[in-house]
Amino acid sequence: MTYLPKKNKRPSTLSRALMTCIVWGLVNQTVSSQPAIRLSDVTGVTGITFTHSDGGEGKHRYIVESVASGLATFDYNNDGLIDILFLNGAPLPGSDRKASEAGNVLYRNDGQWKFTDITSDSGLSDRAYHLGVCIGDYDNDGFPDIFLSNFGPDILYRNNGDGTFTDVTQKAGVANGDQVGAGASFLDIDQDGDLDLFVANYCDFTLEKHKERHINGHPAYTGPAIYGPTADTLFQNNGDGTFTDISEVSGITSKKGTGMGIVCADYDNDGDTDIIVGNDALANFVWQNDGKGSFKEVGLLTGLAYDRNGIGLGTMGVDCADLDNDGLPDFYMTSYEQQWTTHYHNDGDGFFTDITHTSSAGEGTYHEVTWGLGMPDLNHDGFRDVFIACGHLQDNIHLWNDSKTFEAQNRVIMNLGNGKFRDVTLEAGSGLNPKFSSRGAAFDDLDNDGDIDVVVLNTRQKPTLLRNDLSTNQHWVQINLKGTRSNKFGIGAKVKVHAGDQTFVDEVHSGRGYQSHYGTRLHFGLGSHENINQIEVHWPGGKTETFQNIPSGQIIELTEGSGGSNSE
């Protein structure tokens, strides 16, 4: 595979603007009618009874309460059905809750929208304060393991392959001290086939450092600035079940931040995996990988550090996807109220432009606090849409602003396929009607009918499961990767699907959005294309394989080494 080299010189503002206009102009020629997006709330029929706790319910307003928690959708037992892990807080000082009332809950997907709580039998019944999660097979035994990013020591659970998990944190060496955790991700930083681990840390907070805050005489949650930023953490996989903390030698500790959501992706198309961290009220980080596991922070150079006005936003969630089908990953970030969610267009050569206002991709978000997000193709028209989880972090905001409420309506923003987006929340089905204060969101095909469903974690409430009731003749394909030389689930692999005259691109991520994990099984809406000419898989490490003439409308598994036209 030929990779684009890194560039040291950024194009001028004028040339970048011209490139962006050309790209969107080309897309404007491919406008097609979009099938309607329809999401239905099916939570009540699923058997899911989980209720989230932030550990305090606002009694003392510790900062960690306001940012909890994420969730994960993944196939823990490799039965072909996507299961759900909901994260929970833990009782904080002054809370009326008991430790026995908290804890994560793992639900096994039994099919037909029925789920069974198997937490006790699985060995996941710890009572830590959970914030973020990522999934990856760190020991390459073919079963997905769980990393939990916490307020307090983190936890790594090894999947035993029999439906149970074992806490191997101490043996692995990934407890990460007493940090306030956030987003986390498994990634292969040096392409040796073993998954390394990156953990974003939020701020330098402890219970002893807790500060009270009042707004117009009313108690309120503080922001991270009062406690100060902290460095993130990078662990290198030693290949023997243990990790080494290489945060300092890799360059990761050279800057401190207020990390929240993250995603690891090859943003500059040079063949290795980089790390993008959303920082709350500070510049976002872009850790550029040199291909050997050393990193340089280049957020300002790339254009992802700030919005188009040079302002550091209250970034919550981060994800990437090819929104205009030009083969390059664009980025989308959620943020605080009175700030737009931000759509960054990939201009090529590792540079980005904030085109939120020209694309209208932030429509309906300015007045909301926005958290979890994803960019699935909800209607199979071949263009990725945007789902955003909303909800205020101040539970008593109405006491000093009667135009605001703690609960809010989640948003669906449709990609029109012509460089423009439109907020279709009010017409996207009854599932968007309920209002909660949402945090993490995850996106996977929970009923294996081909379209992407949505799971939302609501703070202090039950979650929301939204079934995609897509009714269309548009086509799709879903792809599971199975690494042999690479890591077992192909994390970091880039997949190109060629159908007719169009090419669709995606990458396998571990940990993304707002402190969550989803989408290990890649999903492609194909529009009117019934057959796939070719699928290219660019495996971590540089090997490229092609798979020919594949019918759409199926979930397929592609194994490293079984394709044709191998190259290094």
Protein backbone atom coordinates (compact mmCIF):
# COMPACT_ATOMS: atom_id res chain seq x y z
CA MET A 1 0.00 0.00 0.00
CA THR A 2 1.19 3.50 -0.76
CA TYR A 3 0.79 5.96 2.07
CA LEU A 4 0.71 9.72 1.89
CA PRO A 5 3.83 11.19 3.52
CA LYS A 6 3.57 13.57 6.43
CA LYS A 7 3.74 17.21 5.44
CA ASN A 8 5.50 19.82 7.52
CA LYS A 9 3.96 22.80 5.79
CA ARG A 10 0.27 23.55 6.17
CA PRO A 11 -1.60 24.84 3.11
CA SER A 12 -2.66 28.48 3.22
CA THR A 13 -6.14 29.37 4.45
CA LEU A 14 -7.15 30.29 0.90
CA SER A 15 -5.89 27.04 -0.64
CA ARG A 16 -7.56 24.96 2.06
CA ALA A 17 -10.82 26.82 1.47
CA LEU A 18 -10.55 26.17 -2.27
CA MET A 19 -9.88 22.48 -1.68
CA THR A 20 -12.89 22.26 0.61
CA CYS A 21 -15.13 23.98 -1.96
CA ILE A 22 -13.92 21.60 -4.69
CA VAL A 23 -14.60 18.53 -2.54
CA TRP A 24 -18.08 19.66 -1.55
CA GLY A 25 -18.78 20.78 -5.12
CA LEU A 26 -18.05 17.27 -6.34
CA VAL A 27 -20.31 15.84 -3.68
CA ASN A 28 -23.04 18.25 -4.75
CA GLN A 29 -23.18 16.40 -8.06
CA THR A 30 -24.15 13.14 -6.31
CA VAL A 31 -27.31 14.28 -4.54
CA SER A 32 -29.84 11.50 -4.08
CA SER A 33 -33.13 11.26 -2.25
CA GLN A 34 -32.71 10.10 1.32
CA PRO A 35 -34.92 7.41 2.84
CA ALA A 36 -36.51 8.54 6.09
CA ILE A 37 -34.80 7.78 9.41
CA ARG A 38 -37.14 6.10 11.90
CA LEU A 39 -36.05 5.22 15.44
CA SER A 40 -38.42 3.57 17.94
CA ASP A 41 -37.94 3.29 21.71
CA VAL A 42 -38.04 -0.44 22.52
CA THR A 43 -36.43 -0.31 25.97
CA GLY A 44 -39.56 -1.61 27.68
CA VAL A 45 -39.60 -4.95 25.81
CA THR A 46 -35.91 -5.78 26.18
CA GLY A 47 -35.83 -6.95 29.79
CA ILE A 48 -33.19 -4.32 30.60
CA THR A 49 -33.75 -2.89 34.09
CA PHE A 50 -30.41 -1.15 34.64
CA THR A 51 -30.61 2.30 36.23
CA HIS A 52 -27.57 4.55 36.19
CA SER A 53 -26.21 6.19 39.32
CA ASP A 54 -23.66 8.98 39.40
CA GLY A 55 -22.86 8.10 42.99
CA GLY A 56 -24.13 11.25 44.63
CA GLU A 57 -27.33 12.40 42.92
CA GLY A 58 -26.32 16.02 43.44
CA LYS A 59 -25.98 16.11 47.24
CA HIS A 60 -22.41 17.42 47.29
CA ARG A 61 -21.88 17.89 43.56
CA TYR A 62 -18.48 16.26 43.13
CA ILE A 63 -17.24 16.95 39.62
CA VAL A 64 -17.15 13.26 38.68
CA GLU A 65 -20.94 12.98 39.07
CA SER A 66 -21.53 15.36 36.18
CA VAL A 67 -19.47 13.37 33.66
CA ALA A 68 -20.56 9.75 34.35
CA SER A 69 -20.74 7.46 32.34
CA GLY A 70 -20.12 5.65 29.05
CA LEU A 71 -21.16 2.20 27.80
CA ALA A 72 -20.01 -0.51 25.39
CA THR A 73 -21.69 -2.59 22.70
CA PHE A 74 -19.68 -5.68 21.67
CA ASP A 75 -20.02 -9.43 21.19
CA TYR A 76 -18.49 -10.72 24.43
CA ASN A 77 -19.16 -14.43 23.69
CA ASN A 78 -18.61 -14.46 19.91
CA ASP A 79 -22.13 -15.77 19.19
CA GLY A 80 -22.82 -13.17 16.49
CA LEU A 81 -25.14 -11.03 18.65
CA ILE A 82 -24.06 -7.65 20.01
CA ASP A 83 -24.24 -7.45 23.82
CA ILE A 84 -24.36 -4.34 26.04
CA LEU A 85 -22.24 -3.27 29.02
CA PHE A 86 -23.63 -0.33 31.00
CA LEU A 87 -21.21 1.54 33.27
CA ASN A 88 -22.18 2.84 36.68
CA GLY A 89 -20.85 5.16 39.34
CA ALA A 90 -20.34 4.17 42.95
CA PRO A 91 -21.60 5.75 46.19
CA LEU A 92 -19.72 8.92 47.09
CA PRO A 93 -19.41 10.45 50.58
CA GLY A 94 -22.78 11.81 51.69
CA SER A 95 -24.78 9.61 49.34
CA ASP A 96 -27.77 7.63 50.61
CA ARG A 97 -26.94 4.84 48.20
CA LYS A 98 -25.34 1.58 49.26
CA ALA A 99 -22.49 -0.06 47.40
CA SER A 100 -24.74 -3.01 46.61
CA GLU A 101 -27.02 -0.72 44.61
CA ALA A 102 -24.29 0.30 42.16
CA GLY A 103 -22.12 -1.61 39.72
CA ASN A 104 -21.84 -2.25 36.01
CA VAL A 105 -24.34 -4.51 34.28
CA LEU A 106 -23.54 -6.80 31.34
CA TYR A 107 -26.55 -7.84 29.28
CA ARG A 108 -26.34 -10.85 26.98
CA ASN A 109 -28.22 -10.42 23.72
CA ASP A 110 -30.57 -13.39 23.34
CA GLY A 111 -31.99 -12.19 20.01
CA GLN A 112 -35.38 -10.70 19.12
CA TRP A 113 -34.68 -7.67 21.35
CA LYS A 114 -34.43 -9.75 24.53
CA PHE A 115 -31.50 -9.31 26.91
CA THR A 116 -30.43 -11.19 30.06
CA ASP A 117 -28.41 -9.73 32.95
CA ILE A 118 -25.42 -12.06 33.33
CA THR A 119 -23.27 -9.74 35.46
CA SER A 120 -23.02 -11.96 38.54
CA ASP A 121 -22.15 -15.09 36.57
CA SER A 122 -19.65 -13.20 34.39
CA GLY A 123 -17.43 -11.97 37.24
CA LEU A 124 -17.93 -8.28 36.45
CA SER A 125 -19.62 -7.37 39.75
CA ASP A 126 -17.07 -4.86 41.05
CA ARG A 127 -18.13 -1.64 42.78
CA ALA A 128 -15.62 0.85 41.40
CA TYR A 129 -16.62 4.26 40.06
CA HIS A 130 -16.75 3.70 36.29
CA LEU A 131 -16.50 6.47 33.72
CA GLY A 132 -15.10 5.13 30.44
CA VAL A 133 -14.64 1.81 28.65
CA CYS A 134 -12.90 0.25 25.67
CA ILE A 135 -12.86 -3.27 24.29
CA GLY A 136 -9.97 -5.17 22.70
CA ASP A 137 -8.29 -8.57 22.69
CA TYR A 138 -5.09 -7.59 24.50
CA ASP A 139 -3.83 -11.20 24.76
CA ASN A 140 -4.86 -12.25 21.23
CA ASP A 141 -6.79 -15.33 22.33
CA GLY A 142 -9.81 -14.52 20.17
CA PHE A 143 -12.08 -13.17 22.92
CA PRO A 144 -12.71 -9.46 23.60
CA ASP A 145 -11.40 -8.11 26.89
CA ILE A 146 -12.71 -5.11 28.83
CA PHE A 147 -10.82 -2.08 30.12
CA LEU A 148 -12.66 0.23 32.53
CA SER A 149 -11.45 3.79 33.07
CA ASN A 150 -12.48 4.88 36.57
CA PHE A 151 -12.43 7.54 39.23
CA GLY A 152 -9.76 5.69 41.16
CA PRO A 153 -7.75 2.69 39.94
CA ASP A 154 -8.73 1.38 36.52
CA ILE A 155 -9.64 -2.26 35.85
CA LEU A 156 -8.69 -4.70 33.10
CA TYR A 157 -10.89 -7.79 32.75
CA ARG A 158 -9.59 -10.74 30.77
CA ASN A 159 -12.24 -12.67 28.86
CA ASN A 160 -11.84 -16.35 29.79
CA GLY A 161 -13.73 -17.53 26.71
CA ASP A 162 -16.43 -19.32 28.71
CA GLY A 163 -18.68 -16.34 29.46
CA THR A 164 -16.66 -15.21 32.48
CA PHE A 165 -14.06 -12.53 33.08
CA THR A 166 -11.09 -12.30 35.47
CA ASP A 167 -9.70 -9.07 36.93
CA VAL A 168 -6.04 -9.06 35.79
CA THR A 169 -5.31 -5.40 36.55
CA GLN A 170 -2.47 -5.96 38.98
CA LYS A 171 -0.77 -8.61 36.87
CA ALA A 172 -1.11 -6.48 33.74
CA GLY A 173 0.07 -3.30 35.49
CA VAL A 174 -2.61 -0.93 34.16
CA ALA A 175 -4.27 0.39 37.35
CA ASN A 176 -3.27 3.96 36.37
CA GLY A 177 -3.20 5.30 39.95
CA ASP A 178 -6.03 7.39 41.37
CA GLN A 179 -6.85 9.41 38.29
CA VAL A 180 -10.22 10.71 37.17
CA GLY A 181 -10.60 8.49 34.11
CA ALA A 182 -12.24 9.33 30.81
CA GLY A 183 -12.11 7.86 27.31
CA ALA A 184 -9.78 4.93 26.66
CA SER A 185 -8.68 2.97 23.62
CA PHE A 186 -6.76 -0.13 22.65
CA LEU A 187 -4.49 0.49 19.66
CA ASP A 188 -1.35 -0.97 18.13
CA ILE A 189 1.12 1.89 18.39
CA ASP A 190 4.07 0.05 16.83
CA GLN A 191 2.34 -2.49 14.56
CA ASP A 192 3.76 -5.52 16.36
CA GLY A 193 0.38 -7.28 16.50
CA ASP A 194 -0.22 -6.61 20.20
CA LEU A 195 -2.72 -4.03 21.41
CA ASP A 196 -1.38 -1.20 23.51
CA LEU A 197 -3.59 1.00 25.70
CA PHE A 198 -4.21 4.74 25.87
CA VAL A 199 -6.16 6.31 28.74
CA ALA A 200 -7.32 9.94 28.84
CA ASN A 201 -7.41 11.54 32.29
CA TYR A 202 -9.82 14.36 33.10
CA CYS A 203 -8.40 16.61 35.82
CA ASP A 204 -6.36 16.65 39.02
CA PHE A 205 -9.30 15.99 41.34
CA THR A 206 -9.57 14.03 44.57
CA LEU A 207 -12.37 14.01 47.13
CA GLU A 208 -10.10 15.97 49.45
CA LYS A 209 -9.72 18.71 46.81
CA HIS A 210 -13.47 19.10 46.30
CA LYS A 211 -14.55 22.74 45.92
CA GLU A 212 -18.08 24.03 46.31
CA ARG A 213 -19.58 26.35 43.73
CA HIS A 214 -22.71 28.48 43.64
CA ILE A 215 -24.47 30.20 40.75
CA ASN A 216 -26.94 32.93 41.76
CA GLY A 217 -26.94 31.43 45.24
CA HIS A 218 -27.65 27.88 44.04
CA PRO A 219 -25.20 24.97 44.41
CA ALA A 220 -23.62 23.92 41.11
CA TYR A 221 -21.02 21.59 39.67
CA THR A 222 -17.55 22.99 39.06
CA GLY A 223 -15.55 22.65 35.85
CA PRO A 224 -12.12 21.01 35.58
CA ALA A 225 -10.16 24.29 35.51
CA ILE A 226 -10.48 24.72 39.27
CA TYR A 227 -8.52 21.49 39.80
CA GLY A 228 -6.09 21.81 36.91
CA PRO A 229 -5.17 19.62 33.93
CA THR A 230 -3.34 16.32 34.09
CA ALA A 231 -1.33 14.16 31.72
CA ASP A 232 -2.80 11.18 29.91
CA THR A 233 -1.40 7.65 30.10
CA LEU A 234 0.01 5.25 27.50
CA PHE A 235 0.77 1.59 28.22
CA GLN A 236 2.81 -0.60 25.87
CA ASN A 237 1.84 -4.26 25.58
CA ASN A 238 4.79 -6.51 26.42
CA GLY A 239 3.21 -9.50 24.69
CA ASP A 240 3.17 -11.63 27.84
CA GLY A 241 0.01 -10.36 29.51
CA THR A 242 1.73 -7.34 31.05
CA PHE A 243 2.07 -3.68 30.07
CA THR A 244 4.73 -1.02 30.64
CA ASP A 245 3.84 2.61 31.28
CA ILE A 246 5.62 4.52 28.51
CA SER A 247 3.73 7.80 28.93
CA GLU A 248 6.88 9.81 29.47
CA VAL A 249 9.26 8.20 26.99
CA SER A 250 6.60 8.21 24.25
CA GLY A 251 6.02 11.96 24.63
CA ILE A 252 2.46 11.71 25.94
CA THR A 253 3.25 13.52 29.22
CA SER A 254 4.74 16.51 27.41
CA LYS A 255 1.35 18.23 27.59
CA LYS A 256 -1.38 18.17 30.22
CA GLY A 257 -5.05 18.38 29.38
CA THR A 258 -8.61 17.73 30.49
CA GLY A 259 -9.34 14.64 28.44
CA MET A 260 -12.89 13.40 27.93
CA GLY A 261 -13.79 11.56 24.72
CA ILE A 262 -11.11 10.14 22.45
CA VAL A 263 -10.71 8.19 19.24
CA CYS A 264 -7.59 6.57 17.82
CA ALA A 265 -7.35 6.77 14.05
CA ASP A 266 -4.95 7.27 11.16
CA TYR A 267 -5.96 10.90 10.68
CA ASP A 268 -3.04 11.71 8.34
CA ASN A 269 -3.24 8.54 6.22
CA ASP A 270 0.39 7.55 6.77
CA GLY A 271 -0.34 3.97 7.84
CA ASP A 272 -0.05 4.18 11.62
CA THR A 273 -2.58 4.92 14.35
CA ASP A 274 -2.69 8.38 15.94
CA ILE A 275 -4.54 9.54 19.07
CA ILE A 276 -7.11 12.36 19.11
CA VAL A 277 -8.21 13.61 22.55
CA GLY A 278 -11.08 15.99 23.21
CA ASN A 279 -10.14 18.35 26.05
CA ASP A 280 -12.74 20.19 28.11
CA ALA A 281 -12.30 23.97 27.72
CA LEU A 282 -8.73 23.55 26.42
CA ALA A 283 -7.17 22.87 23.04
CA ASN A 284 -7.80 19.36 21.80
CA PHE A 285 -4.80 17.07 21.41
CA VAL A 286 -3.70 15.31 18.25
CA TRP A 287 -0.89 12.91 19.10
CA GLN A 288 0.86 12.11 15.82
CA ASN A 289 2.47 8.67 15.79
CA ASP A 290 5.90 8.31 14.20
CA GLY A 291 5.08 4.68 13.39
CA LYS A 292 7.27 3.34 16.16
CA GLY A 293 5.21 4.38 19.17
CA SER A 294 6.58 7.85 19.85
CA PHE A 295 4.19 10.79 19.67
CA LYS A 296 4.24 14.53 18.96
CA GLU A 297 1.29 16.79 19.77
CA VAL A 298 0.21 18.62 16.59
CA GLY A 299 -3.36 19.68 17.32
CA LEU A 300 -2.81 23.34 16.46
CA LEU A 301 -1.10 22.49 13.18
CA THR A 302 -3.88 20.13 12.07
CA GLY A 303 -6.77 22.50 12.78
CA LEU A 304 -8.44 20.15 15.29
CA ALA A 305 -7.29 21.96 18.44
CA TYR A 306 -9.83 24.80 18.24
CA ASP A 307 -12.94 25.79 16.36
CA ARG A 308 -12.83 28.12 13.36
CA ASN A 309 -12.68 31.15 15.67
CA GLY A 310 -9.64 29.83 17.51
CA ILE A 311 -11.61 29.01 20.65
CA GLY A 312 -11.01 25.97 22.80
CA LEU A 313 -14.43 24.37 23.30
CA GLY A 314 -15.79 22.24 26.11
CA THR A 315 -15.20 19.12 24.04
CA MET A 316 -17.05 16.08 25.36
CA GLY A 317 -17.15 13.38 22.66
CA VAL A 318 -14.94 12.72 19.63
CA ASP A 319 -15.47 10.45 16.65
CA CYS A 320 -14.42 10.27 13.02
CA ALA A 321 -15.96 8.97 9.79
CA ASP A 322 -15.83 9.74 6.09
CA LEU A 323 -18.81 12.07 5.87
CA ASP A 324 -18.36 13.10 2.23
CA ASN A 325 -17.09 9.81 0.75
CA ASP A 326 -13.75 11.25 -0.35
CA GLY A 327 -11.81 8.46 1.36
CA LEU A 328 -10.57 10.57 4.29
CA PRO A 329 -11.82 10.56 7.90
CA ASP A 330 -13.61 13.73 8.98
CA PHE A 331 -14.01 14.53 12.68
CA TYR A 332 -17.03 15.52 14.74
CA MET A 333 -16.91 16.76 18.33
CA THR A 334 -19.61 17.51 20.89
CA SER A 335 -19.39 20.36 23.39
CA TYR A 336 -21.01 22.57 26.03
CA GLU A 337 -24.07 24.83 25.67
CA GLN A 338 -23.75 28.05 23.70
CA GLN A 339 -21.18 26.23 21.59
CA TRP A 340 -21.85 24.41 18.35
CA THR A 341 -20.92 20.81 17.94
CA THR A 342 -18.06 20.92 15.46
CA HIS A 343 -17.68 19.31 12.03
CA TYR A 344 -14.05 19.24 10.86
CA HIS A 345 -13.53 18.47 7.17
CA ASN A 346 -10.40 16.50 6.26
CA ASP A 347 -8.56 18.57 3.65
CA GLY A 348 -5.90 15.92 3.10
CA ASP A 349 -2.28 15.69 4.20
CA GLY A 350 -3.40 15.75 7.83
CA PHE A 351 -5.12 19.15 7.83
CA PHE A 352 -8.70 20.02 8.78
CA THR A 353 -11.13 22.90 8.42
CA ASP A 354 -14.10 23.67 10.70
CA ILE A 355 -17.02 23.73 8.24
CA THR A 356 -19.80 23.40 10.82
CA HIS A 357 -21.71 26.41 9.55
CA THR A 358 -21.32 25.80 5.84
CA SER A 359 -22.37 22.14 6.20
CA SER A 360 -25.10 22.81 8.83
CA ALA A 361 -23.86 19.68 10.64
CA GLY A 362 -24.28 21.41 14.00
CA GLU A 363 -27.91 22.39 13.40
CA GLY A 364 -29.97 22.24 16.59
CA THR A 365 -26.99 21.83 18.93
CA TYR A 366 -26.06 25.37 20.01
CA HIS A 367 -28.37 25.53 23.02
CA GLU A 368 -27.64 21.99 24.23
CA VAL A 369 -24.91 20.33 26.27
CA THR A 370 -23.87 17.51 23.93
CA TRP A 371 -22.10 14.28 24.92
CA GLY A 372 -22.18 10.91 23.17
CA LEU A 373 -22.15 10.79 19.40
CA GLY A 374 -21.82 8.51 16.43
CA MET A 375 -21.86 8.78 12.65
CA PRO A 376 -23.63 5.68 11.35
CA ASP A 377 -25.46 5.57 8.05
CA LEU A 378 -28.92 5.31 9.59
CA ASN A 379 -30.80 5.06 6.30
CA HIS A 380 -28.39 3.15 4.03
CA ASP A 381 -28.19 5.90 1.44
CA GLY A 382 -24.39 5.71 1.44
CA PHE A 383 -23.88 8.87 3.49
CA ARG A 384 -23.18 8.84 7.22
CA ASP A 385 -25.55 10.70 9.52
CA VAL A 386 -24.95 12.11 13.02
CA PHE A 387 -26.63 11.10 16.29
CA ILE A 388 -25.98 13.25 19.36
CA ALA A 389 -26.82 12.53 23.01
CA CYS A 390 -27.86 15.68 24.90
CA GLY A 391 -28.52 16.73 28.49
CA HIS A 392 -27.39 19.43 30.87
CA LEU A 393 -24.78 18.66 33.52
CA GLN A 394 -26.31 21.05 36.08
CA ASP A 395 -29.26 19.13 37.52
CA ASN A 396 -30.81 22.33 38.92
CA ILE A 397 -30.15 24.61 35.94
CA HIS A 398 -33.81 25.68 35.92
CA LEU A 399 -33.28 27.52 39.24
CA TRP A 400 -31.17 30.21 37.59
CA ASN A 401 -32.18 29.85 33.95
CA ASP A 402 -35.86 29.14 33.40
CA SER A 403 -35.26 28.48 29.70
CA LYS A 404 -33.11 25.42 30.48
CA THR A 405 -33.81 21.95 31.85
CA PHE A 406 -31.60 19.08 33.01
CA GLU A 407 -33.30 16.78 30.50
CA ALA A 408 -33.06 17.34 26.76
CA GLN A 409 -34.02 15.72 23.49
CA ASN A 410 -31.32 13.80 21.65
CA ARG A 411 -30.65 14.89 18.08
CA VAL A 412 -30.47 13.20 14.69
CA ILE A 413 -28.79 15.16 11.91
CA MET A 414 -29.22 13.67 8.44
CA ASN A 415 -26.49 13.79 5.82
CA LEU A 416 -28.18 15.02 2.64
CA GLY A 417 -25.37 13.75 0.43
CA ASN A 418 -24.70 17.15 -1.10
CA GLY A 419 -22.34 18.59 1.48
CA LYS A 420 -25.21 19.66 3.69
CA PHE A 421 -26.88 18.25 6.80
CA ARG A 422 -30.33 18.78 8.27
CA ASP A 423 -31.68 18.31 11.80
CA VAL A 424 -34.45 15.71 11.40
CA THR A 425 -35.00 15.02 15.11
CA LEU A 426 -38.70 15.90 15.02
CA GLU A 427 -39.36 13.54 12.11
CA ALA A 428 -37.02 10.67 13.04
CA GLY A 429 -39.56 8.62 14.96
CA SER A 430 -41.11 8.41 18.41
CA GLY A 431 -37.84 7.20 19.92
CA LEU A 432 -36.58 10.78 19.92
CA ASN A 433 -39.52 12.13 21.92
CA PRO A 434 -38.44 11.23 25.50
CA LYS A 435 -36.15 13.67 27.27
CA PHE A 436 -33.37 12.56 29.62
CA SER A 437 -29.95 13.86 30.55
CA SER A 438 -27.90 11.56 28.37
CA ARG A 439 -24.18 10.81 28.44
CA GLY A 440 -22.67 7.87 26.55
CA ALA A 441 -24.14 6.54 23.30
CA ALA A 442 -23.34 3.43 21.26
CA PHE A 443 -24.25 2.32 17.74
CA ASP A 444 -24.49 -1.29 16.52
CA ASP A 445 -26.92 -3.68 14.80
CA LEU A 446 -28.56 -5.25 17.86
CA ASP A 447 -31.05 -7.42 15.94
CA ASN A 448 -28.88 -8.37 12.95
CA ASP A 449 -31.39 -6.97 10.45
CA GLY A 450 -28.74 -4.91 8.70
CA ASP A 451 -29.40 -1.41 10.03
CA ILE A 452 -27.76 0.35 12.96
CA ASP A 453 -29.60 0.69 16.27
CA VAL A 454 -28.79 3.07 19.12
CA VAL A 455 -28.19 2.63 22.85
CA VAL A 456 -28.01 5.69 25.12
CA LEU A 457 -26.93 5.80 28.77
CA ASN A 458 -29.00 8.37 30.68
CA THR A 459 -27.60 9.68 33.93
CA ARG A 460 -29.73 8.75 37.00
CA GLN A 461 -32.22 6.99 34.72
CA LYS A 462 -32.77 3.83 32.77
CA PRO A 463 -31.06 3.68 29.37
CA THR A 464 -32.77 4.12 26.03
CA LEU A 465 -32.65 1.47 23.30
CA LEU A 466 -33.70 2.73 19.90
CA ARG A 467 -34.60 0.24 17.17
CA ASN A 468 -33.92 1.38 13.64
CA ASP A 469 -37.16 0.82 11.70
CA LEU A 470 -35.64 1.54 8.32
CA SER A 471 -37.93 0.72 5.42
CA THR A 472 -36.03 0.96 2.16
CA ASN A 473 -34.64 -1.00 -0.76
CA GLN A 474 -31.20 0.49 -0.17
CA HIS A 475 -28.40 -2.01 0.42
CA TRP A 476 -25.78 -2.63 3.12
CA VAL A 477 -22.96 -4.87 4.25
CA GLN A 478 -21.34 -5.50 7.63
CA ILE A 479 -17.78 -6.73 8.05
CA ASN A 480 -16.06 -8.53 10.91
CA LEU A 481 -12.29 -8.66 10.62
CA LYS A 482 -10.25 -11.55 11.98
CA GLY A 483 -6.57 -10.84 12.32
CA THR A 484 -3.92 -13.54 12.25
CA ARG A 485 -0.67 -11.61 12.14
CA SER A 486 -2.49 -8.46 13.24
CA ASN A 487 -4.52 -8.22 16.46
CA LYS A 488 -7.47 -10.63 16.45
CA PHE A 489 -10.25 -8.07 15.81
CA GLY A 490 -8.35 -5.95 13.32
CA ILE A 491 -8.32 -2.78 15.43
CA GLY A 492 -6.60 -0.11 13.37
CA ALA A 493 -7.40 -1.77 10.05
CA LYS A 494 -8.77 0.39 7.25
CA VAL A 495 -11.46 -1.06 4.97
CA LYS A 496 -12.47 0.21 1.52
CA VAL A 497 -15.68 -1.08 -0.05
CA HIS A 498 -15.95 -0.53 -3.82
CA ALA A 499 -19.52 -0.74 -5.14
CA GLY A 500 -20.31 0.50 -8.62
CA ASP A 501 -18.68 3.89 -9.05
CA GLN A 502 -18.51 4.60 -5.30
CA THR A 503 -15.97 3.80 -2.61
CA PHE A 504 -16.82 3.71 1.08
CA VAL A 505 -14.10 3.80 3.74
CA ASP A 506 -14.04 3.02 7.45
CA GLU A 507 -11.56 2.04 10.15
CA VAL A 508 -11.84 -0.31 13.13
CA HIS A 509 -11.69 1.61 16.42
CA SER A 510 -11.58 0.62 20.07
CA GLY A 511 -13.05 3.25 22.37
CA ARG A 512 -14.68 6.31 20.81
CA GLY A 513 -17.42 8.90 21.16
CA TYR A 514 -18.02 9.89 24.76
CA GLN A 515 -16.16 7.43 27.01
CA SER A 516 -17.77 4.54 25.13
CA HIS A 517 -17.07 1.69 22.72
CA TYR A 518 -19.05 0.54 19.68
CA GLY A 519 -18.84 -0.43 16.04
CA THR A 520 -16.10 -3.09 15.97
CA ARG A 521 -18.24 -4.77 13.31
CA LEU A 522 -18.01 -2.29 10.46
CA HIS A 523 -21.25 -1.22 8.79
CA PHE A 524 -21.59 0.28 5.32
CA GLY A 525 -24.73 1.68 3.73
CA LEU A 526 -24.43 1.07 -0.01
CA GLY A 527 -27.35 3.01 -1.43
CA SER A 528 -28.64 1.36 -4.61
CA HIS A 529 -25.59 -0.89 -5.06
CA GLU A 530 -26.67 -4.50 -4.71
CA ASN A 531 -23.25 -6.02 -5.34
CA ILE A 532 -19.78 -5.15 -4.09
CA ASN A 533 -17.03 -5.20 -6.68
CA GLN A 534 -14.18 -5.38 -4.23
CA ILE A 535 -13.29 -4.96 -0.57
CA GLU A 536 -9.79 -3.82 0.32
CA VAL A 537 -8.49 -4.45 3.83
CA HIS A 538 -5.40 -2.53 4.87
CA TRP A 539 -4.27 -4.45 7.93
CA PRO A 540 -2.15 -2.88 10.69
CA GLY A 541 1.44 -3.45 9.68
CA GLY A 542 1.00 -2.62 6.00
CA LYS A 543 -0.44 -5.75 4.36
CA THR A 544 -3.28 -5.13 1.90
CA GLU A 545 -5.72 -7.83 0.79
CA THR A 546 -8.65 -7.75 -1.60
CA PHE A 547 -11.88 -9.73 -1.61
CA GLN A 548 -13.88 -9.84 -4.84
CA ASN A 549 -17.54 -9.91 -5.93
CA ILE A 550 -19.42 -10.01 -2.63
CA PRO A 551 -23.23 -9.72 -2.50
CA SER A 552 -24.64 -7.06 -0.19
CA GLY A 553 -27.19 -7.65 2.55
CA GLN A 554 -25.02 -9.88 4.74
CA ILE A 555 -22.65 -9.93 7.70
CA ILE A 556 -19.32 -11.31 6.53
CA GLU A 557 -16.03 -12.23 8.20
CA LEU A 558 -12.76 -11.49 6.44
CA THR A 559 -9.71 -13.33 7.76
CA GLU A 560 -6.21 -11.98 7.35
CA GLY A 561 -4.32 -14.14 4.87
CA SER A 562 -7.39 -15.43 3.03
CA GLY A 563 -7.75 -12.65 0.49
CA GLY A 564 -6.07 -12.06 -2.84
CA SER A 565 -3.55 -9.56 -4.20
CA ASN A 566 -1.49 -9.52 -1.03
CA SER A 567 1.06 -6.75 -0.75
CA GLU A 568 3.30 -5.25 1.88
